[in-house]
Amino acid sequence: RVRVTREVDAGMETVSLKLPAVVTTDLRLNEPRYATLPAIMKAKKKKVDKLSADDLGVDLAPQLEVVGVAEPPKRSSGVMVGSVDELVDKLKNEAKVL
Protein backbone atom coordinates (compact mmCIF):
# COMPACT_ATOMS: atom_id res chain seq x y z
CA ARG A 1 0.00 0.00 0.00
CA VAL A 2 1.03 3.60 -0.57
CA ARG A 3 -0.08 6.70 1.32
CA VAL A 4 -0.47 9.90 -0.69
CA THR A 5 -1.23 13.36 0.67
CA ARG A 6 -2.94 15.67 -1.77
CA GLU A 7 -4.08 19.27 -1.66
CA VAL A 8 -7.83 19.85 -1.93
CA ASP A 9 -10.02 22.94 -1.51
CA ALA A 10 -10.59 22.25 2.19
CA GLY A 11 -6.89 21.63 2.99
CA MET A 12 -4.84 18.44 2.79
CA GLU A 13 -6.25 14.94 2.26
CA THR A 14 -4.35 11.69 2.85
CA VAL A 15 -5.37 8.74 0.69
CA SER A 16 -4.24 5.12 1.03
CA LEU A 17 -4.03 3.16 -2.24
CA LYS A 18 -3.37 -0.43 -3.21
CA LEU A 19 -0.43 -1.01 -5.55
CA PRO A 20 -0.09 -0.81 -8.51
CA ALA A 21 -1.36 2.77 -8.64
CA VAL A 22 -0.84 5.84 -10.81
CA VAL A 23 0.18 8.96 -8.87
CA THR A 24 0.81 12.32 -10.52
CA THR A 25 2.53 15.38 -9.08
CA ASP A 26 2.73 19.11 -9.68
CA LEU A 27 5.60 21.56 -9.93
CA ARG A 28 5.86 22.21 -6.18
CA LEU A 29 7.01 18.66 -5.40
CA ASN A 30 10.75 19.23 -5.76
CA GLU A 31 11.56 22.31 -3.75
CA PRO A 32 15.37 22.30 -3.52
CA ARG A 33 17.15 22.10 -0.18
CA TYR A 34 20.37 24.02 -0.21
CA ALA A 35 23.31 22.52 1.66
CA THR A 36 24.84 24.56 4.45
CA LEU A 37 28.60 24.90 4.88
CA PRO A 38 28.72 22.77 8.08
CA ALA A 39 26.81 19.99 6.31
CA ILE A 40 29.25 20.11 3.37
CA MET A 41 32.23 19.86 5.74
CA LYS A 42 30.68 16.87 7.55
CA ALA A 43 30.01 15.15 4.21
CA LYS A 44 33.68 15.52 3.21
CA LYS A 45 34.80 13.67 6.35
CA LYS A 46 32.23 10.89 6.15
CA LYS A 47 33.47 7.47 5.01
CA VAL A 48 31.86 6.03 1.87
CA ASP A 49 31.36 2.26 1.93
CA LYS A 50 31.85 0.50 -1.40
CA LEU A 51 29.59 -2.50 -1.96
CA SER A 52 29.66 -5.01 -4.76
CA ALA A 53 26.61 -6.46 -6.49
CA ASP A 54 27.18 -9.74 -4.65
CA ASP A 55 27.08 -7.91 -1.30
CA LEU A 56 23.64 -6.61 -2.21
CA GLY A 57 22.40 -9.90 -3.68
CA VAL A 58 21.91 -8.45 -7.16
CA ASP A 59 22.21 -10.61 -10.28
CA LEU A 60 23.91 -8.65 -13.10
CA ALA A 61 23.12 -11.20 -15.82
CA PRO A 62 21.16 -9.69 -18.73
CA GLN A 63 17.41 -10.19 -18.34
CA LEU A 64 16.48 -9.28 -21.94
CA GLU A 65 17.28 -10.95 -25.23
CA VAL A 66 17.67 -8.74 -28.30
CA VAL A 67 15.97 -10.49 -31.19
CA GLY A 68 16.77 -7.96 -33.88
CA VAL A 69 17.49 -4.33 -34.64
CA ALA A 70 16.49 -2.62 -37.88
CA GLU A 71 16.26 0.94 -39.16
CA PRO A 72 12.81 2.26 -40.04
CA PRO A 73 12.06 2.56 -43.75
CA LYS A 74 13.13 5.76 -45.48
CA ARG A 75 10.42 8.37 -45.88
CA SER A 76 9.29 9.15 -49.38
CA SER A 77 9.78 12.68 -50.63
CA GLY A 78 6.96 15.18 -50.22
CA VAL A 79 5.08 17.04 -52.92
CA MET A 80 5.38 20.80 -53.30
CA VAL A 81 2.10 22.55 -54.06
CA GLY A 82 1.88 25.90 -55.77
CA SER A 83 -1.15 27.37 -54.05
CA VAL A 84 -3.60 26.93 -51.22
CA ASP A 85 -6.31 25.84 -53.67
CA GLU A 86 -4.08 23.04 -54.97
CA LEU A 87 -3.32 21.95 -51.37
CA VAL A 88 -7.02 21.83 -50.47
CA ASP A 89 -7.75 19.88 -53.66
CA LYS A 90 -5.04 17.29 -52.86
CA LEU A 91 -6.26 16.95 -49.25
CA LYS A 92 -9.85 16.40 -50.44
CA ASN A 93 -9.26 14.08 -53.39
CA GLU A 94 -5.97 12.22 -52.79
CA ALA A 95 -5.58 12.09 -49.03
CA LYS A 96 -9.35 12.15 -48.35
CA VAL A 97 -8.72 14.16 -45.17
CA LEU A 98 -11.20 16.96 -45.81
PDB file of N, CA and C in Angstrom:
ATOM      1  N   ARG A   1       0.839  -1.189   0.000  1.00  0.00           N
ATOM      2  CA  ARG A   1       0.000   0.000   0.000  1.00  0.00           C
ATOM      3  C   ARG A   1       0.876   1.242   0.000  1.00  0.00           C
ATOM      4  N   VAL A   2       0.322   2.325  -0.526  1.00  0.00           N
ATOM      5  CA  VAL A   2       1.027   3.595  -0.567  1.00  0.00           C
ATOM      6  C   VAL A   2       0.096   4.665   0.002  1.00  0.00           C
ATOM      7  N   ARG A   3       0.687   5.588   0.757  1.00  0.00           N
ATOM      8  CA  ARG A   3      -0.084   6.704   1.321  1.00  0.00           C
ATOM      9  C   ARG A   3       0.304   7.971   0.583  1.00  0.00           C
ATOM     10  N   VAL A   4      -0.693   8.680   0.090  1.00  0.00           N
ATOM     11  CA  VAL A   4      -0.473   9.896  -0.686  1.00  0.00           C
ATOM     12  C   VAL A   4      -1.243  11.029  -0.024  1.00  0.00           C
ATOM     13  N   THR A   5      -0.567  12.163   0.152  1.00  0.00           N
ATOM     14  CA  THR A   5      -1.230  13.357   0.670  1.00  0.00           C
ATOM     15  C   THR A   5      -1.423  14.318  -0.487  1.00  0.00           C
ATOM     16  N   ARG A   6      -2.651  14.767  -0.662  1.00  0.00           N
ATOM     17  CA  ARG A   6      -2.940  15.674  -1.767  1.00  0.00           C
ATOM     18  C   ARG A   6      -3.627  16.922  -1.245  1.00  0.00           C
ATOM     19  N   GLU A   7      -3.495  17.992  -2.018  1.00  0.00           N
ATOM     20  CA  GLU A   7      -4.081  19.274  -1.658  1.00  0.00           C
ATOM     21  C   GLU A   7      -5.462  19.377  -2.285  1.00  0.00           C
ATOM     22  N   VAL A   8      -6.462  19.654  -1.458  1.00  0.00           N
ATOM     23  CA  VAL A   8      -7.831  19.852  -1.931  1.00  0.00           C
ATOM     24  C   VAL A   8      -8.295  21.224  -1.458  1.00  0.00           C
ATOM     25  N   ASP A   9      -9.504  21.613  -1.858  1.00  0.00           N
ATOM     26  CA  ASP A   9     -10.015  22.944  -1.509  1.00  0.00           C
ATOM     27  C   ASP A   9     -10.089  23.157  -0.006  1.00  0.00           C
ATOM     28  N   ALA A  10     -10.412  22.115   0.749  1.00  0.00           N
ATOM     29  CA  ALA A  10     -10.587  22.246   2.191  1.00  0.00           C
ATOM     30  C   ALA A  10      -9.278  22.103   2.959  1.00  0.00           C
ATOM     31  N   GLY A  11      -8.180  21.811   2.297  1.00  0.00           N
ATOM     32  CA  GLY A  11      -6.892  21.631   2.985  1.00  0.00           C
ATOM     33  C   GLY A  11      -6.119  20.480   2.377  1.00  0.00           C
ATOM     34  N   MET A  12      -5.617  19.599   3.237  1.00  0.00           N
ATOM     35  CA  MET A  12      -4.843  18.442   2.789  1.00  0.00           C
ATOM     36  C   MET A  12      -5.638  17.170   3.057  1.00  0.00           C
ATOM     37  N   GLU A  13      -5.546  16.216   2.123  1.00  0.00           N
ATOM     38  CA  GLU A  13      -6.246  14.943   2.259  1.00  0.00           C
ATOM     39  C   GLU A  13      -5.235  13.827   2.061  1.00  0.00           C
ATOM     40  N   THR A  14      -5.235  12.838   2.955  1.00  0.00           N
ATOM     41  CA  THR A  14      -4.348  11.686   2.851  1.00  0.00           C
ATOM     42  C   THR A  14      -5.166  10.500   2.373  1.00  0.00           C
ATOM     43  N   VAL A  15      -4.674   9.859   1.304  1.00  0.00           N
ATOM     44  CA  VAL A  15      -5.374   8.739   0.689  1.00  0.00           C
ATOM     45  C   VAL A  15      -4.453   7.528   0.732  1.00  0.00           C
ATOM     46  N   SER A  16      -5.001   6.365   1.035  1.00  0.00           N
ATOM     47  CA  SER A  16      -4.239   5.119   1.030  1.00  0.00           C
ATOM     48  C   SER A  16      -4.691   4.303  -0.166  1.00  0.00           C
ATOM     49  N   LEU A  17      -3.721   3.866  -1.000  1.00  0.00           N
ATOM     50  CA  LEU A  17      -4.030   3.158  -2.241  1.00  0.00           C
ATOM     51  C   LEU A  17      -3.358   1.799  -2.266  1.00  0.00           C
ATOM     52  N   LYS A  18      -3.994   0.863  -2.954  1.00  0.00           N
ATOM     53  CA  LYS A  18      -3.366  -0.433  -3.210  1.00  0.00           C
ATOM     54  C   LYS A  18      -2.446  -0.292  -4.413  1.00  0.00           C
ATOM     55  N   LEU A  19      -1.346  -1.021  -4.411  1.00  0.00           N
ATOM     56  CA  LEU A  19      -0.427  -1.015  -5.546  1.00  0.00           C
ATOM     57  C   LEU A  19      -0.822  -2.102  -6.517  1.00  0.00           C
ATOM     58  N   PRO A  20      -0.655  -1.953  -7.797  1.00  0.00           N
ATOM     59  CA  PRO A  20      -0.089  -0.814  -8.511  1.00  0.00           C
ATOM     60  C   PRO A  20      -1.083   0.338  -8.579  1.00  0.00           C
ATOM     61  N   ALA A  21      -0.539   1.564  -8.594  1.00  0.00           N
ATOM     62  CA  ALA A  21      -1.356   2.770  -8.644  1.00  0.00           C
ATOM     63  C   ALA A  21      -0.643   3.813  -9.487  1.00  0.00           C
ATOM     64  N   VAL A  22      -1.406   4.738 -10.046  1.00  0.00           N
ATOM     65  CA  VAL A  22      -0.841   5.843 -10.806  1.00  0.00           C
ATOM     66  C   VAL A  22      -0.974   7.099  -9.950  1.00  0.00           C
ATOM     67  N   VAL A  23       0.167   7.754  -9.691  1.00  0.00           N
ATOM     68  CA  VAL A  23       0.182   8.963  -8.871  1.00  0.00           C
ATOM     69  C   VAL A  23       0.861  10.050  -9.679  1.00  0.00           C
ATOM     70  N   THR A  24       0.217  11.209  -9.791  1.00  0.00           N
ATOM     71  CA  THR A  24       0.806  12.324 -10.517  1.00  0.00           C
ATOM     72  C   THR A  24       1.178  13.418  -9.531  1.00  0.00           C
ATOM     73  N   THR A  25       2.073  14.319  -9.958  1.00  0.00           N
ATOM     74  CA  THR A  25       2.534  15.385  -9.079  1.00  0.00           C
ATOM     75  C   THR A  25       2.464  16.717  -9.809  1.00  0.00           C
ATOM     76  N   ASP A  26       2.683  17.792  -9.055  1.00  0.00           N
ATOM     77  CA  ASP A  26       2.731  19.107  -9.680  1.00  0.00           C
ATOM     78  C   ASP A  26       4.115  19.696  -9.501  1.00  0.00           C
ATOM     79  N   LEU A  27       4.284  20.928  -9.915  1.00  0.00           N
ATOM     80  CA  LEU A  27       5.599  21.562  -9.927  1.00  0.00           C
ATOM     81  C   LEU A  27       6.177  21.803  -8.544  1.00  0.00           C
ATOM     82  N   ARG A  28       5.362  21.872  -7.517  1.00  0.00           N
ATOM     83  CA  ARG A  28       5.856  22.206  -6.184  1.00  0.00           C
ATOM     84  C   ARG A  28       6.451  21.015  -5.447  1.00  0.00           C
ATOM     85  N   LEU A  29       6.520  19.859  -6.078  1.00  0.00           N
ATOM     86  CA  LEU A  29       7.014  18.659  -5.404  1.00  0.00           C
ATOM     87  C   LEU A  29       8.488  18.772  -5.042  1.00  0.00           C
ATOM     88  N   ASN A  30       9.311  19.214  -5.970  1.00  0.00           N
ATOM     89  CA  ASN A  30      10.752  19.229  -5.756  1.00  0.00           C
ATOM     90  C   ASN A  30      11.256  20.617  -5.406  1.00  0.00           C
ATOM     91  N   GLU A  31      10.982  21.059  -4.207  1.00  0.00           N
ATOM     92  CA  GLU A  31      11.564  22.311  -3.753  1.00  0.00           C
ATOM     93  C   GLU A  31      12.980  22.011  -3.280  1.00  0.00           C
ATOM     94  N   PRO A  32      13.982  22.649  -3.851  1.00  0.00           N
ATOM     95  CA  PRO A  32      15.366  22.298  -3.519  1.00  0.00           C
ATOM     96  C   PRO A  32      15.728  22.661  -2.089  1.00  0.00           C
ATOM     97  N   ARG A  33      16.566  21.811  -1.496  1.00  0.00           N
ATOM     98  CA  ARG A  33      17.146  22.099  -0.181  1.00  0.00           C
ATOM     99  C   ARG A  33      18.601  22.446  -0.424  1.00  0.00           C
ATOM    100  N   TYR A  34      19.010  23.590   0.012  1.00  0.00           N
ATOM    101  CA  TYR A  34      20.374  24.024  -0.211  1.00  0.00           C
ATOM    102  C   TYR A  34      21.242  23.586   0.955  1.00  0.00           C
ATOM    103  N   ALA A  35      22.400  23.016   0.633  1.00  0.00           N
ATOM    104  CA  ALA A  35      23.309  22.524   1.662  1.00  0.00           C
ATOM    105  C   ALA A  35      23.997  23.688   2.366  1.00  0.00           C
ATOM    106  N   THR A  36      24.138  23.546   3.675  1.00  0.00           N
ATOM    107  CA  THR A  36      24.844  24.558   4.452  1.00  0.00           C
ATOM    108  C   THR A  36      26.321  24.190   4.499  1.00  0.00           C
ATOM    109  N   LEU A  37      27.155  25.142   4.818  1.00  0.00           N
ATOM    110  CA  LEU A  37      28.599  24.903   4.878  1.00  0.00           C
ATOM    111  C   LEU A  37      28.963  23.834   5.916  1.00  0.00           C
ATOM    112  N   PRO A  38      28.391  23.843   7.138  1.00  0.00           N
ATOM    113  CA  PRO A  38      28.724  22.774   8.083  1.00  0.00           C
ATOM    114  C   PRO A  38      28.345  21.385   7.559  1.00  0.00           C
ATOM    115  N   ALA A  39      27.222  21.283   6.860  1.00  0.00           N
ATOM    116  CA  ALA A  39      26.813  19.987   6.311  1.00  0.00           C
ATOM    117  C   ALA A  39      27.778  19.531   5.222  1.00  0.00           C
ATOM    118  N   ILE A  40      28.280  20.450   4.418  1.00  0.00           N
ATOM    119  CA  ILE A  40      29.251  20.107   3.370  1.00  0.00           C
ATOM    120  C   ILE A  40      30.550  19.613   4.001  1.00  0.00           C
ATOM    121  N   MET A  41      30.996  20.266   5.065  1.00  0.00           N
ATOM    122  CA  MET A  41      32.230  19.864   5.743  1.00  0.00           C
ATOM    123  C   MET A  41      32.080  18.490   6.382  1.00  0.00           C
ATOM    124  N   LYS A  42      30.919  18.190   6.971  1.00  0.00           N
ATOM    125  CA  LYS A  42      30.676  16.866   7.553  1.00  0.00           C
ATOM    126  C   LYS A  42      30.676  15.798   6.469  1.00  0.00           C
ATOM    127  N   ALA A  43      30.092  16.110   5.299  1.00  0.00           N
ATOM    128  CA  ALA A  43      30.011  15.147   4.211  1.00  0.00           C
ATOM    129  C   ALA A  43      31.389  14.804   3.668  1.00  0.00           C
ATOM    130  N   LYS A  44      32.324  15.775   3.689  1.00  0.00           N
ATOM    131  CA  LYS A  44      33.682  15.516   3.212  1.00  0.00           C
ATOM    132  C   LYS A  44      34.404  14.507   4.101  1.00  0.00           C
ATOM    133  N   LYS A  45      34.124  14.548   5.386  1.00  0.00           N
ATOM    134  CA  LYS A  45      34.803  13.671   6.346  1.00  0.00           C
ATOM    135  C   LYS A  45      34.175  12.289   6.433  1.00  0.00           C
ATOM    136  N   LYS A  46      32.943  12.149   6.003  1.00  0.00           N
ATOM    137  CA  LYS A  46      32.227  10.889   6.149  1.00  0.00           C
ATOM    138  C   LYS A  46      32.801   9.822   5.233  1.00  0.00           C
ATOM    139  N   LYS A  47      32.933   8.595   5.765  1.00  0.00           N
ATOM    140  CA  LYS A  47      33.471   7.474   5.010  1.00  0.00           C
ATOM    141  C   LYS A  47      32.390   6.908   4.082  1.00  0.00           C
ATOM    142  N   VAL A  48      32.791   6.598   2.852  1.00  0.00           N
ATOM    143  CA  VAL A  48      31.864   6.035   1.875  1.00  0.00           C
ATOM    144  C   VAL A  48      32.171   4.541   1.739  1.00  0.00           C
ATOM    145  N   ASP A  49      31.185   3.705   2.047  1.00  0.00           N
ATOM    146  CA  ASP A  49      31.359   2.261   1.926  1.00  0.00           C
ATOM    147  C   ASP A  49      31.118   1.842   0.488  1.00  0.00           C
ATOM    148  N   LYS A  50      32.012   1.015  -0.048  1.00  0.00           N
ATOM    149  CA  LYS A  50      31.847   0.495  -1.398  1.00  0.00           C
ATOM    150  C   LYS A  50      31.329  -0.925  -1.296  1.00  0.00           C
ATOM    151  N   LEU A  51      30.219  -1.187  -1.971  1.00  0.00           N
ATOM    152  CA  LEU A  51      29.592  -2.502  -1.959  1.00  0.00           C
ATOM    153  C   LEU A  51      29.577  -3.062  -3.366  1.00  0.00           C
ATOM    154  N   SER A  52      29.743  -4.358  -3.457  1.00  0.00           N
ATOM    155  CA  SER A  52      29.657  -5.012  -4.763  1.00  0.00           C
ATOM    156  C   SER A  52      28.228  -5.501  -4.975  1.00  0.00           C
ATOM    157  N   ALA A  53      27.954  -5.943  -6.182  1.00  0.00           N
ATOM    158  CA  ALA A  53      26.614  -6.460  -6.488  1.00  0.00           C
ATOM    159  C   ALA A  53      26.331  -7.723  -5.683  1.00  0.00           C
ATOM    160  N   ASP A  54      27.368  -8.524  -5.438  1.00  0.00           N
ATOM    161  CA  ASP A  54      27.177  -9.742  -4.647  1.00  0.00           C
ATOM    162  C   ASP A  54      26.818  -9.406  -3.201  1.00  0.00           C
ATOM    163  N   ASP A  55      27.406  -8.325  -2.663  1.00  0.00           N
ATOM    164  CA  ASP A  55      27.083  -7.915  -1.301  1.00  0.00           C
ATOM    165  C   ASP A  55      25.604  -7.557  -1.168  1.00  0.00           C
ATOM    166  N   LEU A  56      25.041  -7.020  -2.230  1.00  0.00           N
ATOM    167  CA  LEU A  56      23.639  -6.606  -2.213  1.00  0.00           C
ATOM    168  C   LEU A  56      22.689  -7.689  -2.700  1.00  0.00           C
ATOM    169  N   GLY A  57      23.247  -8.807  -3.185  1.00  0.00           N
ATOM    170  CA  GLY A  57      22.402  -9.895  -3.677  1.00  0.00           C
ATOM    171  C   GLY A  57      21.744  -9.590  -5.004  1.00  0.00           C
ATOM    172  N   VAL A  58      22.458  -8.853  -5.865  1.00  0.00           N
ATOM    173  CA  VAL A  58      21.910  -8.452  -7.163  1.00  0.00           C
ATOM    174  C   VAL A  58      22.552  -9.294  -8.255  1.00  0.00           C
ATOM    175  N   ASP A  59      21.730  -9.833  -9.148  1.00  0.00           N
ATOM    176  CA  ASP A  59      22.214 -10.606 -10.284  1.00  0.00           C
ATOM    177  C   ASP A  59      22.399  -9.659 -11.468  1.00  0.00           C
ATOM    178  N   LEU A  60      23.617  -9.566 -11.995  1.00  0.00           N
ATOM    179  CA  LEU A  60      23.909  -8.653 -13.097  1.00  0.00           C
ATOM    180  C   LEU A  60      23.774  -9.303 -14.468  1.00  0.00           C
ATOM    181  N   ALA A  61      23.303 -10.532 -14.528  1.00  0.00           N
ATOM    182  CA  ALA A  61      23.124 -11.198 -15.815  1.00  0.00           C
ATOM    183  C   ALA A  61      22.025 -10.486 -16.603  1.00  0.00           C
ATOM    184  N   PRO A  62      22.188 -10.373 -17.928  1.00  0.00           N
ATOM    185  CA  PRO A  62      21.158  -9.691 -18.728  1.00  0.00           C
ATOM    186  C   PRO A  62      19.816 -10.413 -18.637  1.00  0.00           C
ATOM    187  N   GLN A  63      18.751  -9.629 -18.475  1.00  0.00           N
ATOM    188  CA  GLN A  63      17.411 -10.189 -18.339  1.00  0.00           C
ATOM    189  C   GLN A  63      16.624 -10.123 -19.649  1.00  0.00           C
ATOM    190  N   LEU A  64      17.161  -9.435 -20.657  1.00  0.00           N
ATOM    191  CA  LEU A  64      16.483  -9.278 -21.937  1.00  0.00           C
ATOM    192  C   LEU A  64      17.295  -9.921 -23.039  1.00  0.00           C
ATOM    193  N   GLU A  65      16.616 -10.388 -24.056  1.00  0.00           N
ATOM    194  CA  GLU A  65      17.278 -10.946 -25.227  1.00  0.00           C
ATOM    195  C   GLU A  65      16.910 -10.090 -26.428  1.00  0.00           C
ATOM    196  N   VAL A  66      17.909  -9.552 -27.121  1.00  0.00           N
ATOM    197  CA  VAL A  66      17.669  -8.735 -28.298  1.00  0.00           C
ATOM    198  C   VAL A  66      17.476  -9.665 -29.487  1.00  0.00           C
ATOM    199  N   VAL A  67      16.301  -9.619 -30.068  1.00  0.00           N
ATOM    200  CA  VAL A  67      15.974 -10.489 -31.190  1.00  0.00           C
ATOM    201  C   VAL A  67      16.470  -9.891 -32.490  1.00  0.00           C
ATOM    202  N   GLY A  68      16.322  -8.588 -32.649  1.00  0.00           N
ATOM    203  CA  GLY A  68      16.775  -7.957 -33.884  1.00  0.00           C
ATOM    204  C   GLY A  68      16.676  -6.450 -33.794  1.00  0.00           C
ATOM    205  N   VAL A  69      17.498  -5.785 -34.572  1.00  0.00           N
ATOM    206  CA  VAL A  69      17.492  -4.331 -34.642  1.00  0.00           C
ATOM    207  C   VAL A  69      17.485  -3.942 -36.111  1.00  0.00           C
ATOM    208  N   ALA A  70      16.575  -3.045 -36.484  1.00  0.00           N
ATOM    209  CA  ALA A  70      16.488  -2.624 -37.879  1.00  0.00           C
ATOM    210  C   ALA A  70      16.123  -1.147 -37.936  1.00  0.00           C
ATOM    211  N   GLU A  71      16.611  -0.466 -38.964  1.00  0.00           N
ATOM    212  CA  GLU A  71      16.260   0.937 -39.162  1.00  0.00           C
ATOM    213  C   GLU A  71      14.855   1.023 -39.751  1.00  0.00           C
ATOM    214  N   PRO A  72      14.128   2.100 -39.422  1.00  0.00           N
ATOM    215  CA  PRO A  72      12.814   2.265 -40.042  1.00  0.00           C
ATOM    216  C   PRO A  72      12.970   2.563 -41.529  1.00  0.00           C
ATOM    217  N   PRO A  73      11.948   2.295 -42.315  1.00  0.00           N
ATOM    218  CA  PRO A  73      12.057   2.564 -43.752  1.00  0.00           C
ATOM    219  C   PRO A  73      12.212   4.056 -44.019  1.00  0.00           C
ATOM    220  N   LYS A  74      12.913   4.369 -45.107  1.00  0.00           N
ATOM    221  CA  LYS A  74      13.126   5.764 -45.480  1.00  0.00           C
ATOM    222  C   LYS A  74      11.793   6.390 -45.879  1.00  0.00           C
ATOM    223  N   ARG A  75      11.634   7.652 -45.524  1.00  0.00           N
ATOM    224  CA  ARG A  75      10.417   8.374 -45.880  1.00  0.00           C
ATOM    225  C   ARG A  75      10.477   8.780 -47.343  1.00  0.00           C
ATOM    226  N   SER A  76       9.333   8.705 -47.983  1.00  0.00           N
ATOM    227  CA  SER A  76       9.287   9.146 -49.376  1.00  0.00           C
ATOM    228  C   SER A  76       9.276  10.676 -49.411  1.00  0.00           C
ATOM    229  N   SER A  77       9.708  11.226 -50.522  1.00  0.00           N
ATOM    230  CA  SER A  77       9.783  12.680 -50.626  1.00  0.00           C
ATOM    231  C   SER A  77       8.382  13.276 -50.691  1.00  0.00           C
ATOM    232  N   GLY A  78       8.243  14.494 -50.219  1.00  0.00           N
ATOM    233  CA  GLY A  78       6.964  15.176 -50.219  1.00  0.00           C
ATOM    234  C   GLY A  78       6.678  15.820 -51.561  1.00  0.00           C
ATOM    235  N   VAL A  79       5.505  16.388 -51.681  1.00  0.00           N
ATOM    236  CA  VAL A  79       5.085  17.044 -52.916  1.00  0.00           C
ATOM    237  C   VAL A  79       4.913  18.526 -52.627  1.00  0.00           C
ATOM    238  N   MET A  80       5.529  19.363 -53.442  1.00  0.00           N
ATOM    239  CA  MET A  80       5.385  20.802 -53.301  1.00  0.00           C
ATOM    240  C   MET A  80       4.135  21.233 -54.065  1.00  0.00           C
ATOM    241  N   VAL A  81       3.297  22.028 -53.405  1.00  0.00           N
ATOM    242  CA  VAL A  81       2.103  22.552 -54.059  1.00  0.00           C
ATOM    243  C   VAL A  81       2.303  24.038 -54.319  1.00  0.00           C
ATOM    244  N   GLY A  82       1.679  24.526 -55.360  1.00  0.00           N
ATOM    245  CA  GLY A  82       1.880  25.905 -55.769  1.00  0.00           C
ATOM    246  C   GLY A  82       0.968  26.891 -55.097  1.00  0.00           C
ATOM    247  N   SER A  83      -0.206  26.422 -54.634  1.00  0.00           N
ATOM    248  CA  SER A  83      -1.149  27.371 -54.054  1.00  0.00           C
ATOM    249  C   SER A  83      -1.991  26.664 -52.996  1.00  0.00           C
ATOM    250  N   VAL A  84      -2.730  27.469 -52.255  1.00  0.00           N
ATOM    251  CA  VAL A  84      -3.602  26.933 -51.218  1.00  0.00           C
ATOM    252  C   VAL A  84      -4.725  26.115 -51.850  1.00  0.00           C
ATOM    253  N   ASP A  85      -5.235  26.564 -52.989  1.00  0.00           N
ATOM    254  CA  ASP A  85      -6.315  25.838 -53.666  1.00  0.00           C
ATOM    255  C   ASP A  85      -5.851  24.447 -54.077  1.00  0.00           C
ATOM    256  N   GLU A  86      -4.628  24.336 -54.566  1.00  0.00           N
ATOM    257  CA  GLU A  86      -4.081  23.037 -54.967  1.00  0.00           C
ATOM    258  C   GLU A  86      -3.907  22.137 -53.738  1.00  0.00           C
ATOM    259  N   LEU A  87      -3.478  22.723 -52.608  1.00  0.00           N
ATOM    260  CA  LEU A  87      -3.318  21.955 -51.369  1.00  0.00           C
ATOM    261  C   LEU A  87      -4.659  21.416 -50.897  1.00  0.00           C
ATOM    262  N   VAL A  88      -5.682  22.258 -50.889  1.00  0.00           N
ATOM    263  CA  VAL A  88      -7.016  21.830 -50.465  1.00  0.00           C
ATOM    264  C   VAL A  88      -7.535  20.745 -51.391  1.00  0.00           C
ATOM    265  N   ASP A  89      -7.314  20.884 -52.696  1.00  0.00           N
ATOM    266  CA  ASP A  89      -7.750  19.883 -53.661  1.00  0.00           C
ATOM    267  C   ASP A  89      -7.081  18.537 -53.391  1.00  0.00           C
ATOM    268  N   LYS A  90      -5.748  18.546 -53.130  1.00  0.00           N
ATOM    269  CA  LYS A  90      -5.036  17.291 -52.857  1.00  0.00           C
ATOM    270  C   LYS A  90      -5.518  16.659 -51.551  1.00  0.00           C
ATOM    271  N   LEU A  91      -5.777  17.499 -50.530  1.00  0.00           N
ATOM    272  CA  LEU A  91      -6.263  16.955 -49.255  1.00  0.00           C
ATOM    273  C   LEU A  91      -7.649  16.345 -49.396  1.00  0.00           C
ATOM    274  N   LYS A  92      -8.504  16.934 -50.236  1.00  0.00           N
ATOM    275  CA  LYS A  92      -9.849  16.398 -50.443  1.00  0.00           C
ATOM    276  C   LYS A  92      -9.839  15.121 -51.288  1.00  0.00           C
ATOM    277  N   ASN A  93      -9.127  15.161 -52.417  1.00  0.00           N
ATOM    278  CA  ASN A  93      -9.259  14.083 -53.388  1.00  0.00           C
ATOM    279  C   ASN A  93      -8.250  12.951 -53.197  1.00  0.00           C
ATOM    280  N   GLU A  94      -6.984  13.268 -52.916  1.00  0.00           N
ATOM    281  CA  GLU A  94      -5.970  12.221 -52.793  1.00  0.00           C
ATOM    282  C   GLU A  94      -5.859  11.668 -51.381  1.00  0.00           C
ATOM    283  N   ALA A  95      -5.754  12.548 -50.399  1.00  0.00           N
ATOM    284  CA  ALA A  95      -5.578  12.087 -49.031  1.00  0.00           C
ATOM    285  C   ALA A  95      -6.926  11.788 -48.359  1.00  0.00           C
ATOM    286  N   LYS A  96      -7.994  12.325 -48.888  1.00  0.00           N
ATOM    287  CA  LYS A  96      -9.345  12.153 -48.349  1.00  0.00           C
ATOM    288  C   LYS A  96      -9.403  12.534 -46.871  1.00  0.00           C
ATOM    289  N   VAL A  97      -8.739  13.670 -46.539  1.00  0.00           N
ATOM    290  CA  VAL A  97      -8.721  14.163 -45.175  1.00  0.00           C
ATOM    291  C   VAL A  97      -9.873  15.131 -44.955  1.00  0.00           C
ATOM    292  N   LEU A  98     -10.129  15.970 -45.941  1.00  0.00           N
ATOM    293  CA  LEU A  98     -11.195  16.959 -45.807  1.00  0.00           C
ATOM    294  C   LEU A  98     -12.455  16.511 -46.481  1.00  0.00           C
TER     295      LEU A  98
END
